[in-house]
């Protein structure tokens, strides 16, 4: 038995097409969510947790 209808473009899309669409959604969602929920460095734009810190918590230069 088929999992979707035979006349629907989404249901009849190939596996590669469905995978590409899902990957596009994930990339777009991560691109939109990252700046909102993660702190970024004002100089380089990378996530702050990737920066090295000293034992007192200040950033290494």
N, C-alpha and C. Protein backbone atom coordinates (compact mmCIF):
# COMPACT_ATOMS: atom_id res chain seq x y z
N UNK A 1 0.84 -1.18 0.00
CA UNK A 1 0.00 0.00 0.00
C UNK A 1 0.88 1.24 0.00
N UNK A 2 0.50 2.23 -0.71
CA UNK A 2 1.26 3.47 -0.83
C UNK A 2 1.10 4.35 0.41
N UNK A 3 2.17 5.08 0.74
CA UNK A 3 2.11 5.95 1.91
C UNK A 3 1.51 7.31 1.61
N UNK A 4 1.38 7.67 0.34
CA UNK A 4 0.82 8.95 -0.05
C UNK A 4 -0.11 8.80 -1.23
N UNK A 5 -0.67 9.92 -1.66
CA UNK A 5 -1.57 9.85 -2.80
C UNK A 5 -0.79 9.91 -4.10
N UNK A 6 -1.34 9.39 -5.16
CA UNK A 6 -0.62 9.30 -6.43
C UNK A 6 -0.67 10.59 -7.23
N UNK A 7 -1.54 11.53 -6.88
CA UNK A 7 -1.68 12.77 -7.63
C UNK A 7 -0.95 13.95 -7.00
N UNK A 8 -0.42 13.76 -5.82
CA UNK A 8 0.23 14.85 -5.08
C UNK A 8 1.69 14.98 -5.50
N UNK A 9 2.14 16.20 -5.79
CA UNK A 9 3.54 16.41 -6.16
C UNK A 9 4.48 16.06 -5.04
N UNK A 10 4.09 16.34 -3.79
CA UNK A 10 4.96 16.04 -2.66
C UNK A 10 5.06 14.54 -2.43
N UNK A 11 3.96 13.83 -2.53
CA UNK A 11 3.96 12.38 -2.31
C UNK A 11 4.72 11.63 -3.39
N UNK A 12 4.71 12.12 -4.60
CA UNK A 12 5.34 11.41 -5.72
C UNK A 12 6.76 11.89 -5.98
N UNK A 13 7.26 12.80 -5.18
CA UNK A 13 8.63 13.30 -5.35
C UNK A 13 9.62 12.18 -5.05
N UNK A 14 10.73 12.15 -5.74
CA UNK A 14 11.73 11.09 -5.56
C UNK A 14 12.38 11.20 -4.18
N UNK A 15 13.05 10.13 -3.78
CA UNK A 15 13.73 10.11 -2.50
C UNK A 15 14.79 11.20 -2.44
N UNK A 16 15.51 11.39 -3.53
CA UNK A 16 16.53 12.43 -3.58
C UNK A 16 15.90 13.82 -3.42
N UNK A 17 14.77 14.04 -4.04
CA UNK A 17 14.08 15.32 -3.93
C UNK A 17 13.59 15.59 -2.52
N UNK A 18 13.03 14.55 -1.87
CA UNK A 18 12.56 14.71 -0.48
C UNK A 18 13.72 14.97 0.47
N UNK A 19 14.83 14.25 0.26
CA UNK A 19 16.00 14.44 1.11
C UNK A 19 16.59 15.83 0.93
N UNK A 20 16.66 16.30 -0.30
CA UNK A 20 17.19 17.64 -0.57
C UNK A 20 16.31 18.71 0.08
N UNK A 21 15.01 18.54 0.03
CA UNK A 21 14.09 19.51 0.63
C UNK A 21 14.26 19.53 2.15
N UNK A 22 14.37 18.37 2.76
CA UNK A 22 14.57 18.31 4.21
C UNK A 22 15.90 18.94 4.61
N UNK A 23 16.94 18.69 3.83
CA UNK A 23 18.25 19.28 4.11
C UNK A 23 18.18 20.80 3.99
N UNK A 24 17.46 21.29 3.00
CA UNK A 24 17.30 22.73 2.83
C UNK A 24 16.57 23.34 4.03
N UNK A 25 15.54 22.66 4.54
CA UNK A 25 14.82 23.13 5.71
C UNK A 25 15.73 23.18 6.93
N UNK A 26 16.55 22.16 7.13
CA UNK A 26 17.45 22.11 8.29
C UNK A 26 18.49 23.22 8.21
N UNK A 27 19.06 23.43 7.04
CA UNK A 27 20.07 24.48 6.87
C UNK A 27 19.45 25.85 7.10
N UNK A 28 18.28 26.08 6.55
CA UNK A 28 17.61 27.37 6.71
C UNK A 28 17.24 27.61 8.16
N UNK A 29 16.71 26.59 8.82
CA UNK A 29 16.33 26.73 10.22
C UNK A 29 17.54 27.02 11.09
N UNK A 30 18.65 26.31 10.86
CA UNK A 30 19.84 26.55 11.66
C UNK A 30 20.42 27.94 11.38
N UNK A 31 20.31 28.42 10.15
CA UNK A 31 20.81 29.74 9.80
C UNK A 31 19.98 30.83 10.49
N UNK A 32 18.69 30.59 10.65
CA UNK A 32 17.82 31.57 11.29
C UNK A 32 17.87 31.50 12.82
N UNK A 33 18.03 30.31 13.38
CA UNK A 33 17.98 30.12 14.82
C UNK A 33 19.31 30.45 15.49
N UNK A 34 20.42 30.19 14.84
CA UNK A 34 21.74 30.39 15.43
C UNK A 34 21.94 31.80 15.99
N UNK A 35 21.68 32.86 15.25
CA UNK A 35 21.92 34.20 15.80
C UNK A 35 20.98 34.57 16.95
N UNK A 36 19.83 33.92 17.02
CA UNK A 36 18.86 34.26 18.06
C UNK A 36 19.21 33.63 19.40
N UNK A 37 19.62 32.36 19.38
CA UNK A 37 19.82 31.62 20.62
C UNK A 37 21.27 31.48 21.06
N UNK A 38 22.23 31.67 20.16
CA UNK A 38 23.64 31.51 20.51
C UNK A 38 24.35 32.86 20.44
N UNK A 39 25.19 33.10 21.42
CA UNK A 39 25.96 34.35 21.42
C UNK A 39 27.12 34.24 20.44
N UNK A 40 27.28 35.26 19.62
CA UNK A 40 28.35 35.29 18.63
C UNK A 40 29.33 36.40 18.94
N UNK A 41 30.56 36.20 18.53
CA UNK A 41 31.62 37.19 18.70
C UNK A 41 31.34 38.38 17.78
N UNK A 42 31.43 39.60 18.30
CA UNK A 42 31.18 40.76 17.43
C UNK A 42 32.29 40.98 16.39
N UNK A 43 33.48 40.43 16.63
CA UNK A 43 34.58 40.64 15.68
C UNK A 43 34.57 39.64 14.53
N UNK A 44 34.46 38.35 14.87
CA UNK A 44 34.57 37.33 13.82
C UNK A 44 33.25 36.67 13.47
N UNK A 45 32.23 36.77 14.35
CA UNK A 45 30.93 36.17 14.08
C UNK A 45 30.80 34.71 14.48
N UNK A 46 31.86 34.11 14.99
CA UNK A 46 31.78 32.72 15.43
C UNK A 46 31.09 32.63 16.79
N UNK A 47 30.66 31.42 17.13
CA UNK A 47 29.99 31.19 18.40
C UNK A 47 30.98 31.43 19.53
N UNK A 48 30.52 32.09 20.60
CA UNK A 48 31.40 32.47 21.70
C UNK A 48 32.01 31.27 22.42
N UNK A 49 31.32 30.14 22.46
CA UNK A 49 31.86 28.99 23.18
C UNK A 49 33.08 28.41 22.47
N UNK A 50 33.32 28.79 21.23
CA UNK A 50 34.49 28.30 20.50
C UNK A 50 35.74 29.11 20.81
N UNK A 51 35.61 30.23 21.52
CA UNK A 51 36.75 31.07 21.86
C UNK A 51 37.44 30.55 23.11
N UNK A 52 38.74 30.65 23.13
CA UNK A 52 39.50 30.18 24.29
C UNK A 52 39.43 31.21 25.40
N UNK A 53 39.36 30.69 26.62
CA UNK A 53 39.30 31.56 27.80
C UNK A 53 40.40 31.18 28.77
N UNK A 54 40.77 32.14 29.57
CA UNK A 54 41.72 31.89 30.66
C UNK A 54 40.97 31.27 31.82
N UNK A 55 41.70 30.85 32.86
CA UNK A 55 41.07 30.23 34.01
C UNK A 55 40.17 31.21 34.76
N UNK A 56 40.45 32.52 34.66
CA UNK A 56 39.60 33.51 35.33
C UNK A 56 38.35 33.87 34.51
N UNK A 57 38.21 33.31 33.32
CA UNK A 57 37.03 33.55 32.49
C UNK A 57 37.22 34.58 31.41
N UNK A 58 38.32 35.33 31.42
CA UNK A 58 38.54 36.34 30.39
C UNK A 58 39.05 35.65 29.11
N UNK A 59 38.90 36.32 28.00
CA UNK A 59 39.31 35.76 26.72
C UNK A 59 40.80 35.89 26.51
N UNK A 60 41.37 34.86 25.86
CA UNK A 60 42.77 34.93 25.48
C UNK A 60 42.88 35.74 24.20
N UNK A 61 43.91 36.53 24.10
CA UNK A 61 44.11 37.35 22.89
C UNK A 61 45.04 36.69 21.94
